Amino acid sequence: MLTRKRNQSIIIADEIEITVLDIRGDQVRLGVKAPRTVSVHRREVYDEIQEANREASASPRAALEALKALPKR
């Protein structure tokens, strides 16, 4: 476990920096600096993407429905 205060960072693999931007109650705002080749997602979005990928590999119709359900950028 790591503990950080506001404006402190951690570095992952020499190329990803995560900084604590703000802390309010039980919410923490994080800033992420990473190469464009690295995908960065909130856990719930990542899980949705993984589920959509599983469904896509199972059936073409299921894949289309899963893609429609993904959040738009």
PDB file of N, CA and C in Angstrom:
ATOM      1  N   MET A   1       0.839  -1.175   0.000  1.00  0.00           N
ATOM      2  CA  MET A   1       0.000   0.000   0.000  1.00  0.00           C
ATOM      3  C   MET A   1       0.885   1.240   0.000  1.00  0.00           C
ATOM      4  N   LEU A   2       0.456   2.228  -0.730  1.00  0.00           N
ATOM      5  CA  LEU A   2       1.156   3.507  -0.785  1.00  0.00           C
ATOM      6  C   LEU A   2       0.249   4.586  -0.214  1.00  0.00           C
ATOM      7  N   THR A   3       0.825   5.518   0.495  1.00  0.00           N
ATOM      8  CA  THR A   3       0.063   6.681   0.928  1.00  0.00           C
ATOM      9  C   THR A   3       0.692   7.921   0.317  1.00  0.00           C
ATOM     10  N   ARG A   4      -0.126   8.822  -0.125  1.00  0.00           N
ATOM     11  CA  ARG A   4       0.311  10.065  -0.748  1.00  0.00           C
ATOM     12  C   ARG A   4      -0.573  11.190  -0.245  1.00  0.00           C
ATOM     13  N   LYS A   5      -0.034  12.386  -0.245  1.00  0.00           N
ATOM     14  CA  LYS A   5      -0.786  13.588   0.099  1.00  0.00           C
ATOM     15  C   LYS A   5      -1.050  14.376  -1.177  1.00  0.00           C
ATOM     16  N   ARG A   6      -1.867  15.396  -1.061  1.00  0.00           N
ATOM     17  CA  ARG A   6      -2.177  16.255  -2.208  1.00  0.00           C
ATOM     18  C   ARG A   6      -0.879  16.733  -2.859  1.00  0.00           C
ATOM     19  N   ASN A   7      -0.851  16.714  -4.175  1.00  0.00           N
ATOM     20  CA  ASN A   7       0.282  17.140  -5.008  1.00  0.00           C
ATOM     21  C   ASN A   7       1.484  16.187  -4.958  1.00  0.00           C
ATOM     22  N   GLN A   8       1.328  15.031  -4.348  1.00  0.00           N
ATOM     23  CA  GLN A   8       2.385  14.035  -4.377  1.00  0.00           C
ATOM     24  C   GLN A   8       2.065  12.999  -5.448  1.00  0.00           C
ATOM     25  N   SER A   9       3.104  12.341  -5.965  1.00  0.00           N
ATOM     26  CA  SER A   9       2.946  11.423  -7.097  1.00  0.00           C
ATOM     27  C   SER A   9       3.565  10.074  -6.802  1.00  0.00           C
ATOM     28  N   ILE A  10       3.199   9.116  -7.653  1.00  0.00           N
ATOM     29  CA  ILE A  10       3.916   7.859  -7.743  1.00  0.00           C
ATOM     30  C   ILE A  10       4.268   7.661  -9.215  1.00  0.00           C
ATOM     31  N   ILE A  11       5.345   6.951  -9.466  1.00  0.00           N
ATOM     32  CA  ILE A  11       5.800   6.664 -10.821  1.00  0.00           C
ATOM     33  C   ILE A  11       5.735   5.155 -11.024  1.00  0.00           C
ATOM     34  N   ILE A  12       5.192   4.742 -12.162  1.00  0.00           N
ATOM     35  CA  ILE A  12       5.093   3.322 -12.513  1.00  0.00           C
ATOM     36  C   ILE A  12       5.867   3.094 -13.805  1.00  0.00           C
ATOM     37  N   ALA A  13       6.804   2.169 -13.764  1.00  0.00           N
ATOM     38  CA  ALA A  13       7.572   1.747 -14.947  1.00  0.00           C
ATOM     39  C   ALA A  13       8.227   2.913 -15.688  1.00  0.00           C
ATOM     40  N   ASP A  14       8.727   3.885 -14.979  1.00  0.00           N
ATOM     41  CA  ASP A  14       9.472   5.013 -15.554  1.00  0.00           C
ATOM     42  C   ASP A  14       8.683   5.880 -16.529  1.00  0.00           C
ATOM     43  N   GLU A  15       7.423   5.559 -16.793  1.00  0.00           N
ATOM     44  CA  GLU A  15       6.710   6.346 -17.815  1.00  0.00           C
ATOM     45  C   GLU A  15       5.289   6.719 -17.437  1.00  0.00           C
ATOM     46  N   ILE A  16       4.789   6.258 -16.307  1.00  0.00           N
ATOM     47  CA  ILE A  16       3.435   6.594 -15.877  1.00  0.00           C
ATOM     48  C   ILE A  16       3.530   7.303 -14.536  1.00  0.00           C
ATOM     49  N   GLU A  17       2.940   8.501 -14.468  1.00  0.00           N
ATOM     50  CA  GLU A  17       2.941   9.268 -13.232  1.00  0.00           C
ATOM     51  C   GLU A  17       1.503   9.490 -12.789  1.00  0.00           C
ATOM     52  N   ILE A  18       1.220   9.144 -11.541  1.00  0.00           N
ATOM     53  CA  ILE A  18      -0.099   9.353 -10.963  1.00  0.00           C
ATOM     54  C   ILE A  18       0.053  10.345  -9.817  1.00  0.00           C
ATOM     55  N   THR A  19      -0.697  11.462  -9.904  1.00  0.00           N
ATOM     56  CA  THR A  19      -0.588  12.530  -8.922  1.00  0.00           C
ATOM     57  C   THR A  19      -1.921  12.723  -8.211  1.00  0.00           C
ATOM     58  N   VAL A  20      -1.876  12.899  -6.903  1.00  0.00           N
ATOM     59  CA  VAL A  20      -3.077  13.225  -6.131  1.00  0.00           C
ATOM     60  C   VAL A  20      -3.332  14.720  -6.334  1.00  0.00           C
ATOM     61  N   LEU A  21      -4.435  15.059  -7.002  1.00  0.00           N
ATOM     62  CA  LEU A  21      -4.749  16.454  -7.294  1.00  0.00           C
ATOM     63  C   LEU A  21      -5.564  17.103  -6.189  1.00  0.00           C
ATOM     64  N   ASP A  22      -6.508  16.343  -5.627  1.00  0.00           N
ATOM     65  CA  ASP A  22      -7.400  16.920  -4.624  1.00  0.00           C
ATOM     66  C   ASP A  22      -8.006  15.798  -3.790  1.00  0.00           C
ATOM     67  N   ILE A  23      -8.305  16.108  -2.551  1.00  0.00           N
ATOM     68  CA  ILE A  23      -8.964  15.163  -1.654  1.00  0.00           C
ATOM     69  C   ILE A  23     -10.115  15.906  -0.999  1.00  0.00           C
ATOM     70  N   ARG A  24     -11.332  15.379  -1.171  1.00  0.00           N
ATOM     71  CA  ARG A  24     -12.520  15.975  -0.553  1.00  0.00           C
ATOM     72  C   ARG A  24     -13.361  14.856   0.027  1.00  0.00           C
ATOM     73  N   GLY A  25     -13.366  14.760   1.334  1.00  0.00           N
ATOM     74  CA  GLY A  25     -14.122  13.694   1.975  1.00  0.00           C
ATOM     75  C   GLY A  25     -13.575  12.344   1.546  1.00  0.00           C
ATOM     76  N   ASP A  26     -14.477  11.517   0.989  1.00  0.00           N
ATOM     77  CA  ASP A  26     -14.041  10.180   0.551  1.00  0.00           C
ATOM     78  C   ASP A  26     -13.720  10.131  -0.937  1.00  0.00           C
ATOM     79  N   GLN A  27     -13.606  11.290  -1.585  1.00  0.00           N
ATOM     80  CA  GLN A  27     -13.255  11.326  -3.004  1.00  0.00           C
ATOM     81  C   GLN A  27     -11.848  11.875  -3.191  1.00  0.00           C
ATOM     82  N   VAL A  28     -11.129  11.235  -4.104  1.00  0.00           N
ATOM     83  CA  VAL A  28      -9.765  11.644  -4.431  1.00  0.00           C
ATOM     84  C   VAL A  28      -9.700  11.888  -5.929  1.00  0.00           C
ATOM     85  N   ARG A  29      -9.197  13.040  -6.340  1.00  0.00           N
ATOM     86  CA  ARG A  29      -8.990  13.331  -7.760  1.00  0.00           C
ATOM     87  C   ARG A  29      -7.546  13.009  -8.092  1.00  0.00           C
ATOM     88  N   LEU A  30      -7.369  12.217  -9.150  1.00  0.00           N
ATOM     89  CA  LEU A  30      -6.039  11.802  -9.571  1.00  0.00           C
ATOM     90  C   LEU A  30      -5.743  12.351 -10.959  1.00  0.00           C
ATOM     91  N   GLY A  31      -4.503  12.705 -11.180  1.00  0.00           N
ATOM     92  CA  GLY A  31      -4.033  13.056 -12.513  1.00  0.00           C
ATOM     93  C   GLY A  31      -3.124  11.938 -12.998  1.00  0.00           C
ATOM     94  N   VAL A  32      -3.258  11.574 -14.266  1.00  0.00           N
ATOM     95  CA  VAL A  32      -2.445  10.495 -14.824  1.00  0.00           C
ATOM     96  C   VAL A  32      -1.710  11.006 -16.054  1.00  0.00           C
ATOM     97  N   LYS A  33      -0.385  10.879 -16.039  1.00  0.00           N
ATOM     98  CA  LYS A  33       0.435  11.178 -17.214  1.00  0.00           C
ATOM     99  C   LYS A  33       0.985   9.852 -17.698  1.00  0.00           C
ATOM    100  N   ALA A  34       0.643   9.504 -18.926  1.00  0.00           N
ATOM    101  CA  ALA A  34       1.108   8.236 -19.494  1.00  0.00           C
ATOM    102  C   ALA A  34       1.266   8.398 -20.995  1.00  0.00           C
ATOM    103  N   PRO A  35       2.111   7.580 -21.611  1.00  0.00           N
ATOM    104  CA  PRO A  35       2.237   7.623 -23.072  1.00  0.00           C
ATOM    105  C   PRO A  35       0.889   7.314 -23.723  1.00  0.00           C
ATOM    106  N   ARG A  36       0.682   7.846 -24.902  1.00  0.00           N
ATOM    107  CA  ARG A  36      -0.580   7.605 -25.625  1.00  0.00           C
ATOM    108  C   ARG A  36      -0.804   6.131 -25.913  1.00  0.00           C
ATOM    109  N   THR A  37       0.245   5.359 -25.903  1.00  0.00           N
ATOM    110  CA  THR A  37       0.114   3.928 -26.186  1.00  0.00           C
ATOM    111  C   THR A  37      -0.420   3.139 -24.990  1.00  0.00           C
ATOM    112  N   VAL A  38      -0.529   3.797 -23.833  1.00  0.00           N
ATOM    113  CA  VAL A  38      -1.018   3.141 -22.618  1.00  0.00           C
ATOM    114  C   VAL A  38      -2.476   3.544 -22.392  1.00  0.00           C
ATOM    115  N   SER A  39      -3.359   2.557 -22.316  1.00  0.00           N
ATOM    116  CA  SER A  39      -4.769   2.833 -22.030  1.00  0.00           C
ATOM    117  C   SER A  39      -4.942   3.084 -20.549  1.00  0.00           C
ATOM    118  N   VAL A  40      -5.714   4.133 -20.227  1.00  0.00           N
ATOM    119  CA  VAL A  40      -6.013   4.450 -18.835  1.00  0.00           C
ATOM    120  C   VAL A  40      -7.525   4.554 -18.713  1.00  0.00           C
ATOM    121  N   HIS A  41      -8.112   3.717 -17.864  1.00  0.00           N
ATOM    122  CA  HIS A  41      -9.567   3.686 -17.688  1.00  0.00           C
ATOM    123  C   HIS A  41      -9.906   3.599 -16.209  1.00  0.00           C
ATOM    124  N   ARG A  42     -11.061   4.136 -15.839  1.00  0.00           N
ATOM    125  CA  ARG A  42     -11.605   3.849 -14.514  1.00  0.00           C
ATOM    126  C   ARG A  42     -11.956   2.371 -14.479  1.00  0.00           C
ATOM    127  N   ARG A  43     -11.907   1.751 -13.317  1.00  0.00           N
ATOM    128  CA  ARG A  43     -12.118   0.308 -13.193  1.00  0.00           C
ATOM    129  C   ARG A  43     -13.456  -0.126 -13.789  1.00  0.00           C
ATOM    130  N   GLU A  44     -14.523   0.612 -13.515  1.00  0.00           N
ATOM    131  CA  GLU A  44     -15.833   0.204 -14.026  1.00  0.00           C
ATOM    132  C   GLU A  44     -15.897   0.261 -15.552  1.00  0.00           C
ATOM    133  N   VAL A  45     -15.212   1.209 -16.155  1.00  0.00           N
ATOM    134  CA  VAL A  45     -15.161   1.289 -17.614  1.00  0.00           C
ATOM    135  C   VAL A  45     -14.320   0.137 -18.168  1.00  0.00           C
ATOM    136  N   TYR A  46     -13.194  -0.133 -17.533  1.00  0.00           N
ATOM    137  CA  TYR A  46     -12.342  -1.255 -17.944  1.00  0.00           C
ATOM    138  C   TYR A  46     -13.129  -2.567 -17.898  1.00  0.00           C
ATOM    139  N   ASP A  47     -13.878  -2.776 -16.812  1.00  0.00           N
ATOM    140  CA  ASP A  47     -14.677  -4.001 -16.685  1.00  0.00           C
ATOM    141  C   ASP A  47     -15.727  -4.097 -17.792  1.00  0.00           C
ATOM    142  N   GLU A  48     -16.363  -2.985 -18.143  1.00  0.00           N
ATOM    143  CA  GLU A  48     -17.346  -2.978 -19.237  1.00  0.00           C
ATOM    144  C   GLU A  48     -16.689  -3.331 -20.569  1.00  0.00           C
ATOM    145  N   ILE A  49     -15.503  -2.800 -20.796  1.00  0.00           N
ATOM    146  CA  ILE A  49     -14.779  -3.097 -22.035  1.00  0.00           C
ATOM    147  C   ILE A  49     -14.443  -4.590 -22.097  1.00  0.00           C
ATOM    148  N   GLN A  50     -13.957  -5.134 -20.981  1.00  0.00           N
ATOM    149  CA  GLN A  50     -13.617  -6.561 -20.948  1.00  0.00           C
ATOM    150  C   GLN A  50     -14.846  -7.427 -21.196  1.00  0.00           C
ATOM    151  N   GLU A  51     -15.963  -7.078 -20.586  1.00  0.00           N
ATOM    152  CA  GLU A  51     -17.203  -7.843 -20.794  1.00  0.00           C
ATOM    153  C   GLU A  51     -17.653  -7.743 -22.246  1.00  0.00           C
ATOM    154  N   ALA A  52     -17.568  -6.562 -22.822  1.00  0.00           N
ATOM    155  CA  ALA A  52     -17.942  -6.385 -24.228  1.00  0.00           C
ATOM    156  C   ALA A  52     -17.045  -7.234 -25.128  1.00  0.00           C
ATOM    157  N   ASN A  53     -15.761  -7.306 -24.804  1.00  0.00           N
ATOM    158  CA  ASN A  53     -14.839  -8.131 -25.593  1.00  0.00           C
ATOM    159  C   ASN A  53     -15.187  -9.607 -25.492  1.00  0.00           C
ATOM    160  N   ARG A  54     -15.554 -10.061 -24.276  1.00  0.00           N
ATOM    161  CA  ARG A  54     -15.953 -11.463 -24.106  1.00  0.00           C
ATOM    162  C   ARG A  54     -17.216 -11.763 -24.917  1.00  0.00           C
ATOM    163  N   GLU A  55     -18.178 -10.859 -24.844  1.00  0.00           N
ATOM    164  CA  GLU A  55     -19.420 -11.060 -25.597  1.00  0.00           C
ATOM    165  C   GLU A  55     -19.169 -11.024 -27.099  1.00  0.00           C
ATOM    166  N   ALA A  56     -18.277 -10.147 -27.520  1.00  0.00           N
ATOM    167  CA  ALA A  56     -17.977 -10.029 -28.945  1.00  0.00           C
ATOM    168  C   ALA A  56     -17.364 -11.310 -29.488  1.00  0.00           C
ATOM    169  N   SER A  57     -16.560 -11.950 -28.685  1.00  0.00           N
ATOM    170  CA  SER A  57     -15.935 -13.178 -29.158  1.00  0.00           C
ATOM    171  C   SER A  57     -16.916 -14.351 -29.146  1.00  0.00           C
ATOM    172  N   ALA A  58     -18.035 -14.201 -28.439  1.00  0.00           N
ATOM    173  CA  ALA A  58     -19.018 -15.280 -28.340  1.00  0.00           C
ATOM    174  C   ALA A  58     -20.009 -15.269 -29.501  1.00  0.00           C
ATOM    175  N   SER A  59     -20.425 -14.084 -29.925  1.00  0.00           N
ATOM    176  CA  SER A  59     -21.471 -14.023 -30.938  1.00  0.00           C
ATOM    177  C   SER A  59     -21.470 -12.674 -31.643  1.00  0.00           C
ATOM    178  N   PRO A  60     -21.616 -12.652 -32.964  1.00  0.00           N
ATOM    179  CA  PRO A  60     -21.638 -11.372 -33.679  1.00  0.00           C
ATOM    180  C   PRO A  60     -22.784 -10.466 -33.227  1.00  0.00           C
ATOM    181  N   ARG A  61     -23.959 -11.021 -32.973  1.00  0.00           N
ATOM    182  CA  ARG A  61     -25.101 -10.202 -32.541  1.00  0.00           C
ATOM    183  C   ARG A  61     -24.851  -9.634 -31.147  1.00  0.00           C
ATOM    184  N   ALA A  62     -24.322 -10.446 -30.260  1.00  0.00           N
ATOM    185  CA  ALA A  62     -24.020  -9.987 -28.908  1.00  0.00           C
ATOM    186  C   ALA A  62     -22.964  -8.880 -28.950  1.00  0.00           C
ATOM    187  N   ALA A  63     -22.038  -8.992 -29.875  1.00  0.00           N
ATOM    188  CA  ALA A  63     -20.991  -7.982 -30.002  1.00  0.00           C
ATOM    189  C   ALA A  63     -21.581  -6.633 -30.373  1.00  0.00           C
ATOM    190  N   LEU A  64     -22.490  -6.617 -31.294  1.00  0.00           N
ATOM    191  CA  LEU A  64     -23.114  -5.364 -31.712  1.00  0.00           C
ATOM    192  C   LEU A  64     -23.863  -4.726 -30.552  1.00  0.00           C
ATOM    193  N   GLU A  65     -24.603  -5.497 -29.800  1.00  0.00           N
ATOM    194  CA  GLU A  65     -25.338  -4.977 -28.654  1.00  0.00           C
ATOM    195  C   GLU A  65     -24.381  -4.449 -27.580  1.00  0.00           C
ATOM    196  N   ALA A  66     -23.288  -5.149 -27.345  1.00  0.00           N
ATOM    197  CA  ALA A  66     -22.315  -4.721 -26.339  1.00  0.00           C
ATOM    198  C   ALA A  66     -21.666  -3.405 -26.751  1.00  0.00           C
ATOM    199  N   LEU A  67     -21.354  -3.243 -28.013  1.00  0.00           N
ATOM    200  CA  LEU A  67     -20.755  -2.013 -28.495  1.00  0.00           C
ATOM    201  C   LEU A  67     -21.718  -0.827 -28.351  1.00  0.00           C
ATOM    202  N   LYS A  68     -22.986  -1.064 -28.598  1.00  0.00           N
ATOM    203  CA  LYS A  68     -23.990  -0.007 -28.447  1.00  0.00           C
ATOM    204  C   LYS A  68     -24.107   0.434 -26.989  1.00  0.00           C
ATOM    205  N   ALA A  69     -23.850  -0.473 -26.057  1.00  0.00           N
ATOM    206  CA  ALA A  69     -24.005  -0.168 -24.633  1.00  0.00           C
ATOM    207  C   ALA A  69     -22.798   0.574 -24.037  1.00  0.00           C
ATOM    208  N   LEU A  70     -21.668   0.622 -24.740  1.00  0.00           N
ATOM    209  CA  LEU A  70     -20.476   1.277 -24.210  1.00  0.00           C
ATOM    210  C   LEU A  70     -20.701   2.787 -24.125  1.00  0.00           C
ATOM    211  N   PRO A  71     -20.128   3.427 -23.099  1.00  0.00           N
ATOM    212  CA  PRO A  71     -20.253   4.876 -22.993  1.00  0.00           C
ATOM    213  C   PRO A  71     -19.551   5.568 -24.162  1.00  0.00           C
ATOM    214  N   LYS A  72     -20.158   6.634 -24.637  1.00  0.00           N
ATOM    215  CA  LYS A  72     -19.559   7.385 -25.744  1.00  0.00           C
ATOM    216  C   LYS A  72     -18.597   8.428 -25.174  1.00  0.00           C
ATOM    217  N   ARG A  73     -17.514   8.673 -25.891  1.00  0.00           N
ATOM    218  CA  ARG A  73     -16.527   9.685 -25.448  1.00  0.00           C
ATOM    219  C   ARG A  73     -16.988  11.056 -25.834  1.00  0.00           C
TER     220      ARG A  73
END
